[in-house]
Structures are given as C-alpha cells and as structure tokens.
Amino acid sequence: MPEINFKIQWPNGQQEICYSPSLVVQKYLQVGETYSVSEFLARSRTALTIASDRVQAKYGFPCSRALNQLSRIEATAAPYLEMPNGTVMVLQFEPI
C-alpha cells in the first residue's frame, strides 16, 4: 500500500508530520486548506479509519500506526476544541 505523510500546522503555530498507510487521506484533506479543529478532527478520523480498514482487508489486521496517529491527533486537538477561531492548516503531503 502506498504510505503518505501529511504535514499540518496547529492553532498555536506548531507543525506536525502525521502518517497514513493509505493515500485516502488526500480525499479528506487538501494542501493549503484551513479547517476548524473539529472539522480537521472529523476528517482525520474518517481518513485514518478507512486507511486502517484497508490494511486490515489486505493483511488481516488493522494498522496500529494509523490508529496511534489518530490518537495523537485527538489528544493534540482536545485543548483547541474550545477555541472559537482555532484552525488547522494542511501544509503538504509527502509520499513515503
């Protein structure tokens, strides 16, 4: 499966490189787009769950790395959910 990293910027300016085991993340996130934290979280959940499910369909087990990435995104996003203008920007995709 083609893996991909996606670089994001959190509301505080911190940048993070995230992982997906599938290119499906490109259907849910667009480079240069800014999403509210809740929308980014929802899109990430959907994309990384689909990616993990694709790994499970192919190899017989879910992708723990994708699920761990989702957990990290959820933990980092939590404090920003109360910010009325908090946004996450997708900076780039990097094939692995």
Protein backbone atom coordinates (compact mmCIF):
# COMPACT_ATOMS: atom_id res chain seq x y z
CA MET A 1 0.00 0.00 0.00
CA PRO A 2 1.30 3.47 -0.73
CA GLU A 3 2.01 5.29 2.51
CA ILE A 4 2.00 9.05 2.91
CA ASN A 5 2.92 11.68 5.47
CA PHE A 6 0.93 14.87 5.81
CA LYS A 7 2.29 17.98 7.46
CA ILE A 8 -0.11 20.18 9.43
CA GLN A 9 0.01 23.34 11.49
CA TRP A 10 -1.94 23.55 14.74
CA PRO A 11 -3.60 26.77 16.00
CA ASN A 12 -0.55 27.64 18.12
CA GLY A 13 1.72 27.52 15.05
CA GLN A 14 3.28 24.16 15.95
CA GLN A 15 3.83 21.96 12.93
CA GLU A 16 3.50 18.20 12.97
CA ILE A 17 4.14 15.44 10.46
CA CYS A 18 1.39 12.83 10.53
CA TYR A 19 1.26 9.36 8.98
CA SER A 20 -1.28 7.46 6.89
CA PRO A 21 -0.80 3.96 5.48
CA SER A 22 -3.02 4.91 2.54
CA LEU A 23 -3.39 7.79 0.11
CA VAL A 24 -7.07 8.01 1.07
CA VAL A 25 -6.14 10.90 3.38
CA GLN A 26 -5.78 13.05 0.24
CA LYS A 27 -9.53 12.69 -0.37
CA TYR A 28 -10.32 14.18 3.03
CA LEU A 29 -7.62 16.83 3.45
CA GLN A 30 -6.35 19.33 0.90
CA VAL A 31 -2.97 21.06 0.90
CA GLY A 32 -3.34 24.77 1.64
CA GLU A 33 -6.78 24.35 3.21
CA THR A 34 -7.55 25.53 6.71
CA TYR A 35 -10.07 23.55 8.76
CA SER A 36 -11.68 24.25 12.09
CA VAL A 37 -10.19 21.95 14.70
CA SER A 38 -13.42 19.94 14.94
CA GLU A 39 -13.65 19.56 11.16
CA PHE A 40 -9.99 18.55 10.92
CA LEU A 41 -10.55 16.01 13.67
CA ALA A 42 -13.61 14.55 11.93
CA ARG A 43 -11.84 14.36 8.57
CA SER A 44 -8.76 12.77 10.16
CA ARG A 45 -10.88 10.20 11.98
CA THR A 46 -12.62 9.22 8.78
CA ALA A 47 -9.47 9.07 6.65
CA LEU A 48 -7.30 7.21 9.15
CA THR A 49 -10.06 4.74 10.00
CA ILE A 50 -10.55 3.96 6.31
CA ALA A 51 -6.77 3.65 5.90
CA SER A 52 -6.54 1.23 8.82
CA ASP A 53 -9.51 -0.76 7.48
CA ARG A 54 -7.74 -1.07 4.11
CA VAL A 55 -4.69 -2.51 5.85
CA GLN A 56 -6.93 -4.94 7.70
CA ALA A 57 -8.61 -6.03 4.47
CA LYS A 58 -5.23 -6.64 2.83
CA TYR A 59 -3.20 -8.08 5.72
CA GLY A 60 -5.78 -9.34 8.22
CA PHE A 61 -5.09 -6.82 10.99
CA PRO A 62 -5.72 -3.08 11.45
CA CYS A 63 -2.89 -0.59 11.11
CA SER A 64 -1.76 0.20 14.64
CA ARG A 65 0.41 3.04 13.35
CA ALA A 66 -2.62 4.79 11.76
CA LEU A 67 -4.69 4.27 14.90
CA ASN A 68 -1.85 5.61 17.06
CA GLN A 69 -1.59 8.64 14.77
CA LEU A 70 -5.31 9.24 15.19
CA SER A 71 -4.94 9.04 18.98
CA ARG A 72 -2.14 11.63 18.85
CA ILE A 73 -4.24 13.93 16.68
CA GLU A 74 -7.20 13.59 19.06
CA ALA A 75 -5.02 14.33 22.10
CA THR A 76 -3.39 17.36 20.50
CA ALA A 77 -6.72 18.68 19.20
CA ALA A 78 -8.56 18.40 22.52
CA PRO A 79 -7.36 21.69 24.08
CA TYR A 80 -8.14 23.60 20.88
CA LEU A 81 -11.74 22.44 20.55
CA GLU A 82 -12.88 25.28 22.80
CA MET A 83 -11.10 27.94 20.76
CA PRO A 84 -13.70 29.74 18.64
CA ASN A 85 -11.22 30.57 15.87
CA GLY A 86 -8.83 27.64 16.20
CA THR A 87 -7.83 26.20 12.85
CA VAL A 88 -5.55 23.53 11.47
CA MET A 89 -3.81 24.06 8.12
CA VAL A 90 -2.65 21.23 5.88
CA LEU A 91 0.80 22.23 4.63
CA GLN A 92 1.89 19.35 2.42
CA PHE A 93 1.77 15.68 1.54
CA GLU A 94 4.96 13.64 1.32
CA PRO A 95 4.85 10.13 -0.20
CA ILE A 96 6.96 7.69 1.76
